[in-house]
Amino acid sequence: MTRLRPRLRAAAALLLLAGCTQGAEIRATVISSEEIRFEVVHAPQGFCLLSASIVREGEDAKDGGAALWELRRHNGSQAPCPTRFAFPAVPQGYDVLGKPIPLAPGPYRLGVDGGAGLGEARFTVP
């Protein structure tokens, strides 16, 4: 029994540490190569979408992981923080870097910075 207690303490410490690195859970719904909807379904307190970018994944990613679409919040924007947004739409208070193009079939990843945590969603365009 005494050997189990240090193990339990170590496991509890790991769980506490894991809780300190909270991330956002993002859901992706592919409507077409020209419309992908995203929803923040769970996020740490204080999370506000600051930026989001889509990169191609897999062996056929010719751009080396460069962002194909990047959304950035205006500095000092008073616009509400969206919990739902869609590619290629631009929410109020945000700018998009580059010109959105239809996504070719294949795997992609959306990376999100919410200030209070990071999140990602993986999706495939058929």
N, C-alpha and C. Protein backbone atom coordinates (compact mmCIF):
# COMPACT_ATOMS: atom_id res chain seq x y z
N MET A 1 0.81 -1.19 0.00
CA MET A 1 0.00 0.00 0.00
C MET A 1 0.86 1.26 0.00
N THR A 2 1.98 1.24 0.73
CA THR A 2 2.82 2.43 0.77
C THR A 2 3.50 2.69 -0.57
N ARG A 3 3.73 1.64 -1.37
CA ARG A 3 4.33 1.83 -2.69
C ARG A 3 3.34 2.49 -3.66
N LEU A 4 2.08 2.27 -3.44
CA LEU A 4 1.07 2.81 -4.32
C LEU A 4 0.89 4.32 -4.14
N ARG A 5 1.06 4.82 -2.94
CA ARG A 5 0.85 6.24 -2.68
C ARG A 5 1.77 7.15 -3.52
N PRO A 6 3.08 6.89 -3.61
CA PRO A 6 3.91 7.75 -4.46
C PRO A 6 3.46 7.71 -5.92
N ARG A 7 3.03 6.56 -6.38
CA ARG A 7 2.55 6.46 -7.75
C ARG A 7 1.28 7.27 -7.95
N LEU A 8 0.39 7.22 -6.96
CA LEU A 8 -0.83 8.01 -7.05
C LEU A 8 -0.51 9.51 -7.04
N ARG A 9 0.44 9.90 -6.21
CA ARG A 9 0.83 11.31 -6.18
C ARG A 9 1.41 11.74 -7.53
N ALA A 10 2.24 10.89 -8.12
CA ALA A 10 2.83 11.21 -9.42
C ALA A 10 1.75 11.32 -10.49
N ALA A 11 0.79 10.40 -10.47
CA ALA A 11 -0.30 10.44 -11.44
C ALA A 11 -1.14 11.71 -11.24
N ALA A 12 -1.41 12.08 -10.01
CA ALA A 12 -2.19 13.29 -9.73
C ALA A 12 -1.43 14.53 -10.21
N ALA A 13 -0.12 14.57 -10.02
CA ALA A 13 0.68 15.70 -10.49
C ALA A 13 0.63 15.81 -12.00
N LEU A 14 0.70 14.68 -12.69
CA LEU A 14 0.62 14.70 -14.15
C LEU A 14 -0.73 15.21 -14.63
N LEU A 15 -1.80 14.80 -13.95
CA LEU A 15 -3.12 15.28 -14.31
C LEU A 15 -3.25 16.78 -14.09
N LEU A 16 -2.68 17.28 -13.01
CA LEU A 16 -2.72 18.72 -12.76
C LEU A 16 -1.94 19.48 -13.82
N LEU A 17 -0.76 18.97 -14.18
CA LEU A 17 0.03 19.62 -15.22
C LEU A 17 -0.69 19.62 -16.55
N ALA A 18 -1.34 18.52 -16.88
CA ALA A 18 -2.08 18.45 -18.14
C ALA A 18 -3.20 19.47 -18.15
N GLY A 19 -3.82 19.72 -17.03
CA GLY A 19 -4.89 20.70 -16.94
C GLY A 19 -4.41 22.13 -17.14
N CYS A 20 -3.13 22.38 -16.90
CA CYS A 20 -2.59 23.73 -17.07
C CYS A 20 -2.38 24.09 -18.53
N THR A 21 -2.35 23.12 -19.39
CA THR A 21 -2.14 23.39 -20.81
C THR A 21 -3.44 23.14 -21.56
N GLN A 22 -4.47 23.85 -21.15
CA GLN A 22 -5.77 23.67 -21.77
C GLN A 22 -5.78 24.18 -23.20
N GLY A 23 -6.50 23.50 -24.02
CA GLY A 23 -6.65 23.93 -25.40
C GLY A 23 -8.12 24.01 -25.75
N ALA A 24 -8.37 24.57 -26.91
CA ALA A 24 -9.73 24.68 -27.39
C ALA A 24 -10.06 23.49 -28.26
N GLU A 25 -11.29 23.04 -28.18
CA GLU A 25 -11.76 21.97 -29.06
C GLU A 25 -12.53 22.64 -30.20
N ILE A 26 -12.06 22.41 -31.42
CA ILE A 26 -12.65 23.02 -32.60
C ILE A 26 -13.25 21.91 -33.46
N ARG A 27 -14.48 22.12 -33.92
CA ARG A 27 -15.14 21.16 -34.80
C ARG A 27 -15.17 21.73 -36.22
N ALA A 28 -14.80 20.91 -37.19
CA ALA A 28 -14.82 21.32 -38.60
C ALA A 28 -15.90 20.54 -39.34
N THR A 29 -16.66 21.25 -40.16
CA THR A 29 -17.67 20.63 -41.01
C THR A 29 -17.42 21.06 -42.45
N VAL A 30 -17.06 20.11 -43.29
CA VAL A 30 -16.77 20.42 -44.69
C VAL A 30 -18.08 20.42 -45.47
N ILE A 31 -18.43 21.58 -46.01
CA ILE A 31 -19.61 21.72 -46.84
C ILE A 31 -19.21 21.46 -48.30
N SER A 32 -18.09 22.06 -48.71
CA SER A 32 -17.54 21.88 -50.05
C SER A 32 -16.09 22.37 -50.00
N SER A 33 -15.40 22.31 -51.15
CA SER A 33 -14.02 22.80 -51.19
C SER A 33 -13.98 24.32 -51.04
N GLU A 34 -15.14 24.96 -51.16
CA GLU A 34 -15.23 26.41 -51.05
C GLU A 34 -15.89 26.88 -49.76
N GLU A 35 -16.28 25.94 -48.89
CA GLU A 35 -16.90 26.33 -47.62
C GLU A 35 -16.64 25.26 -46.57
N ILE A 36 -15.92 25.66 -45.52
CA ILE A 36 -15.70 24.80 -44.36
C ILE A 36 -16.13 25.61 -43.14
N ARG A 37 -16.99 25.04 -42.33
CA ARG A 37 -17.48 25.72 -41.13
C ARG A 37 -16.74 25.20 -39.92
N PHE A 38 -16.44 26.13 -39.00
CA PHE A 38 -15.72 25.80 -37.77
C PHE A 38 -16.52 26.29 -36.58
N GLU A 39 -16.46 25.50 -35.51
CA GLU A 39 -17.15 25.87 -34.28
C GLU A 39 -16.24 25.58 -33.10
N VAL A 40 -16.10 26.55 -32.20
CA VAL A 40 -15.37 26.35 -30.96
C VAL A 40 -16.35 25.69 -30.00
N VAL A 41 -16.18 24.40 -29.75
CA VAL A 41 -17.15 23.68 -28.92
C VAL A 41 -16.74 23.66 -27.45
N HIS A 42 -15.47 23.87 -27.18
CA HIS A 42 -15.00 23.96 -25.80
C HIS A 42 -13.71 24.76 -25.80
N ALA A 43 -13.59 25.70 -24.85
CA ALA A 43 -12.38 26.52 -24.78
C ALA A 43 -12.14 26.95 -23.34
N PRO A 44 -10.88 27.21 -22.98
CA PRO A 44 -10.60 27.70 -21.64
C PRO A 44 -11.18 29.10 -21.43
N GLN A 45 -11.39 29.45 -20.18
CA GLN A 45 -11.92 30.77 -19.85
C GLN A 45 -10.99 31.85 -20.42
N GLY A 46 -11.56 32.89 -21.00
CA GLY A 46 -10.77 33.98 -21.57
C GLY A 46 -10.38 33.77 -23.01
N PHE A 47 -10.79 32.65 -23.60
CA PHE A 47 -10.44 32.35 -25.00
C PHE A 47 -11.18 33.31 -25.92
N CYS A 48 -10.43 33.93 -26.83
CA CYS A 48 -11.01 34.79 -27.87
C CYS A 48 -10.18 34.58 -29.13
N LEU A 49 -10.82 34.26 -30.22
CA LEU A 49 -10.13 33.97 -31.47
C LEU A 49 -9.27 35.16 -31.90
N LEU A 50 -7.94 34.98 -31.84
CA LEU A 50 -7.01 36.02 -32.29
C LEU A 50 -6.56 35.77 -33.71
N SER A 51 -6.33 34.49 -34.03
CA SER A 51 -5.92 34.14 -35.39
C SER A 51 -6.27 32.69 -35.67
N ALA A 52 -6.41 32.40 -36.95
CA ALA A 52 -6.69 31.04 -37.40
C ALA A 52 -6.03 30.87 -38.76
N SER A 53 -5.48 29.70 -39.02
CA SER A 53 -4.87 29.46 -40.33
C SER A 53 -5.08 28.01 -40.76
N ILE A 54 -5.24 27.84 -42.06
CA ILE A 54 -5.41 26.51 -42.64
C ILE A 54 -4.13 26.16 -43.38
N VAL A 55 -3.61 24.96 -43.09
CA VAL A 55 -2.44 24.43 -43.81
C VAL A 55 -2.77 23.05 -44.36
N ARG A 56 -2.13 22.71 -45.45
CA ARG A 56 -2.30 21.38 -46.06
C ARG A 56 -1.46 20.40 -45.27
N GLU A 57 -1.95 19.20 -45.08
CA GLU A 57 -1.21 18.16 -44.39
C GLU A 57 -0.91 17.02 -45.35
N GLY A 58 -0.04 16.13 -44.94
CA GLY A 58 0.25 14.93 -45.72
C GLY A 58 1.43 15.08 -46.64
N GLU A 59 1.78 13.99 -47.31
CA GLU A 59 2.94 13.94 -48.18
C GLU A 59 2.79 14.82 -49.41
N ASP A 60 1.55 15.09 -49.83
CA ASP A 60 1.35 15.87 -51.04
C ASP A 60 1.24 17.37 -50.76
N ALA A 61 1.65 17.81 -49.57
CA ALA A 61 1.64 19.23 -49.24
C ALA A 61 2.82 19.91 -49.93
N LYS A 62 2.56 20.53 -51.06
CA LYS A 62 3.62 21.11 -51.89
C LYS A 62 4.15 22.43 -51.33
N ASP A 63 3.39 23.07 -50.46
CA ASP A 63 3.79 24.40 -49.98
C ASP A 63 4.63 24.35 -48.71
N GLY A 64 4.97 23.17 -48.24
CA GLY A 64 5.80 23.05 -47.05
C GLY A 64 5.12 23.49 -45.77
N GLY A 65 3.81 23.45 -45.74
CA GLY A 65 3.07 23.81 -44.54
C GLY A 65 2.73 25.29 -44.43
N ALA A 66 2.90 26.05 -45.52
CA ALA A 66 2.54 27.47 -45.50
C ALA A 66 1.03 27.62 -45.39
N ALA A 67 0.60 28.68 -44.72
CA ALA A 67 -0.84 28.92 -44.54
C ALA A 67 -1.49 29.21 -45.89
N LEU A 68 -2.59 28.50 -46.17
CA LEU A 68 -3.36 28.74 -47.38
C LEU A 68 -4.44 29.80 -47.14
N TRP A 69 -4.80 29.99 -45.88
CA TRP A 69 -5.80 30.97 -45.48
C TRP A 69 -5.47 31.37 -44.05
N GLU A 70 -5.42 32.66 -43.79
CA GLU A 70 -5.08 33.12 -42.44
C GLU A 70 -5.99 34.27 -42.05
N LEU A 71 -6.60 34.12 -40.89
CA LEU A 71 -7.53 35.09 -40.34
C LEU A 71 -6.86 35.72 -39.13
N ARG A 72 -6.91 37.06 -39.02
CA ARG A 72 -6.31 37.76 -37.87
C ARG A 72 -7.27 38.82 -37.34
N ARG A 73 -7.37 38.86 -36.02
CA ARG A 73 -8.21 39.86 -35.35
C ARG A 73 -7.52 41.21 -35.40
N HIS A 74 -8.30 42.29 -35.66
CA HIS A 74 -7.75 43.65 -35.63
C HIS A 74 -7.25 43.95 -34.21
N ASN A 75 -6.13 44.64 -34.09
CA ASN A 75 -5.67 45.10 -32.77
C ASN A 75 -6.70 46.05 -32.18
N GLY A 76 -7.07 45.82 -30.95
CA GLY A 76 -8.02 46.69 -30.27
C GLY A 76 -9.46 46.54 -30.72
N SER A 77 -9.77 45.51 -31.47
CA SER A 77 -11.13 45.31 -31.96
C SER A 77 -12.09 45.11 -30.80
N GLN A 78 -13.23 45.77 -30.89
CA GLN A 78 -14.29 45.62 -29.89
C GLN A 78 -15.36 44.62 -30.34
N ALA A 79 -15.17 44.04 -31.53
CA ALA A 79 -16.13 43.07 -32.06
C ALA A 79 -16.18 41.85 -31.15
N PRO A 80 -17.34 41.22 -31.03
CA PRO A 80 -17.44 40.01 -30.21
C PRO A 80 -16.53 38.91 -30.75
N CYS A 81 -16.10 38.04 -29.86
CA CYS A 81 -15.26 36.91 -30.25
C CYS A 81 -16.17 35.81 -30.80
N PRO A 82 -16.00 35.45 -32.06
CA PRO A 82 -16.90 34.43 -32.63
C PRO A 82 -16.59 33.04 -32.11
N THR A 83 -17.63 32.26 -31.91
CA THR A 83 -17.45 30.85 -31.59
C THR A 83 -17.73 30.00 -32.82
N ARG A 84 -18.26 30.65 -33.87
CA ARG A 84 -18.48 29.99 -35.16
C ARG A 84 -17.96 30.91 -36.26
N PHE A 85 -17.24 30.31 -37.20
CA PHE A 85 -16.76 31.05 -38.36
C PHE A 85 -16.58 30.06 -39.49
N ALA A 86 -16.39 30.58 -40.69
CA ALA A 86 -16.32 29.69 -41.86
C ALA A 86 -15.26 30.19 -42.83
N PHE A 87 -14.60 29.24 -43.48
CA PHE A 87 -13.71 29.55 -44.59
C PHE A 87 -14.58 29.70 -45.81
N PRO A 88 -14.47 30.73 -46.59
CA PRO A 88 -13.52 31.84 -46.57
C PRO A 88 -14.09 33.14 -46.02
N ALA A 89 -15.19 33.08 -45.28
CA ALA A 89 -15.82 34.30 -44.75
C ALA A 89 -14.89 35.00 -43.75
N VAL A 90 -15.07 36.30 -43.60
CA VAL A 90 -14.26 37.09 -42.67
C VAL A 90 -15.20 37.73 -41.64
N PRO A 91 -15.12 37.29 -40.38
CA PRO A 91 -15.98 37.87 -39.35
C PRO A 91 -15.67 39.35 -39.11
N GLN A 92 -16.64 40.07 -38.56
CA GLN A 92 -16.45 41.47 -38.21
C GLN A 92 -15.29 41.59 -37.24
N GLY A 93 -14.40 42.56 -37.49
CA GLY A 93 -13.26 42.77 -36.61
C GLY A 93 -12.03 41.97 -36.99
N TYR A 94 -12.06 41.30 -38.14
CA TYR A 94 -10.96 40.44 -38.59
C TYR A 94 -10.54 40.80 -40.01
N ASP A 95 -9.32 40.45 -40.36
CA ASP A 95 -8.79 40.56 -41.72
C ASP A 95 -8.34 39.18 -42.15
N VAL A 96 -8.35 38.96 -43.46
CA VAL A 96 -7.82 37.71 -43.99
C VAL A 96 -6.56 38.06 -44.79
N LEU A 97 -5.53 37.27 -44.59
CA LEU A 97 -4.28 37.47 -45.32
C LEU A 97 -4.28 36.56 -46.54
N GLY A 98 -4.06 37.13 -47.68
CA GLY A 98 -4.08 36.34 -48.92
C GLY A 98 -5.49 36.22 -49.47
N LYS A 99 -5.57 35.75 -50.68
CA LYS A 99 -6.86 35.57 -51.34
C LYS A 99 -7.30 34.11 -51.19
N PRO A 100 -8.47 33.88 -50.58
CA PRO A 100 -8.93 32.50 -50.41
C PRO A 100 -9.20 31.84 -51.77
N ILE A 101 -8.77 30.61 -51.89
CA ILE A 101 -9.02 29.82 -53.10
C ILE A 101 -9.69 28.52 -52.67
N PRO A 102 -10.47 27.89 -53.56
CA PRO A 102 -11.04 26.59 -53.19
C PRO A 102 -9.92 25.62 -52.82
N LEU A 103 -10.17 24.82 -51.80
CA LEU A 103 -9.17 23.86 -51.34
C LEU A 103 -9.22 22.60 -52.19
N ALA A 104 -8.05 22.13 -52.61
CA ALA A 104 -7.96 20.89 -53.38
C ALA A 104 -8.30 19.71 -52.47
N PRO A 105 -8.76 18.60 -53.03
CA PRO A 105 -9.03 17.43 -52.20
C PRO A 105 -7.80 17.01 -51.40
N GLY A 106 -8.04 16.61 -50.17
CA GLY A 106 -6.95 16.15 -49.32
C GLY A 106 -7.12 16.57 -47.88
N PRO A 107 -6.11 16.25 -47.04
CA PRO A 107 -6.17 16.55 -45.61
C PRO A 107 -5.65 17.95 -45.29
N TYR A 108 -6.29 18.59 -44.31
CA TYR A 108 -5.92 19.94 -43.88
C TYR A 108 -5.99 20.02 -42.36
N ARG A 109 -5.35 21.07 -41.84
CA ARG A 109 -5.40 21.36 -40.40
C ARG A 109 -5.67 22.84 -40.21
N LEU A 110 -6.62 23.16 -39.33
CA LEU A 110 -6.87 24.53 -38.91
C LEU A 110 -6.19 24.70 -37.57
N GLY A 111 -5.31 25.67 -37.45
CA GLY A 111 -4.68 26.02 -36.18
C GLY A 111 -5.28 27.32 -35.69
N VAL A 112 -5.59 27.39 -34.39
CA VAL A 112 -6.25 28.55 -33.81
C VAL A 112 -5.48 29.03 -32.59
N ASP A 113 -5.32 30.35 -32.48
CA ASP A 113 -4.75 30.98 -31.29
C ASP A 113 -5.85 31.80 -30.65
N GLY A 114 -6.19 31.46 -29.41
CA GLY A 114 -7.25 32.17 -28.71
C GLY A 114 -6.75 32.99 -27.55
N GLY A 115 -5.43 33.24 -27.49
CA GLY A 115 -4.87 34.01 -26.39
C GLY A 115 -4.78 33.18 -25.12
N ALA A 116 -5.90 32.67 -24.63
CA ALA A 116 -5.93 31.86 -23.41
C ALA A 116 -5.72 30.38 -23.71
N GLY A 117 -5.48 30.05 -24.96
CA GLY A 117 -5.26 28.66 -25.33
C GLY A 117 -5.21 28.50 -26.85
N LEU A 118 -4.68 27.38 -27.27
CA LEU A 118 -4.58 27.05 -28.68
C LEU A 118 -5.57 25.93 -29.00
N GLY A 119 -5.88 25.78 -30.26
CA GLY A 119 -6.75 24.69 -30.67
C GLY A 119 -6.47 24.33 -32.11
N GLU A 120 -6.99 23.20 -32.53
CA GLU A 120 -6.84 22.78 -33.91
C GLU A 120 -7.98 21.86 -34.30
N ALA A 121 -8.20 21.78 -35.59
CA ALA A 121 -9.17 20.85 -36.15
C ALA A 121 -8.56 20.28 -37.41
N ARG A 122 -8.69 18.99 -37.57
CA ARG A 122 -8.24 18.33 -38.80
C ARG A 122 -9.48 17.96 -39.62
N PHE A 123 -9.36 18.14 -40.94
CA PHE A 123 -10.49 17.82 -41.80
C PHE A 123 -9.97 17.43 -43.17
N THR A 124 -10.83 16.77 -43.94
CA THR A 124 -10.47 16.33 -45.28
C THR A 124 -11.49 16.86 -46.28
N VAL A 125 -10.97 17.45 -47.34
CA VAL A 125 -11.83 17.91 -48.43
C VAL A 125 -11.92 16.75 -49.43
N PRO A 126 -13.14 16.27 -49.71
CA PRO A 126 -13.26 15.13 -50.63
C PRO A 126 -12.96 15.51 -52.08
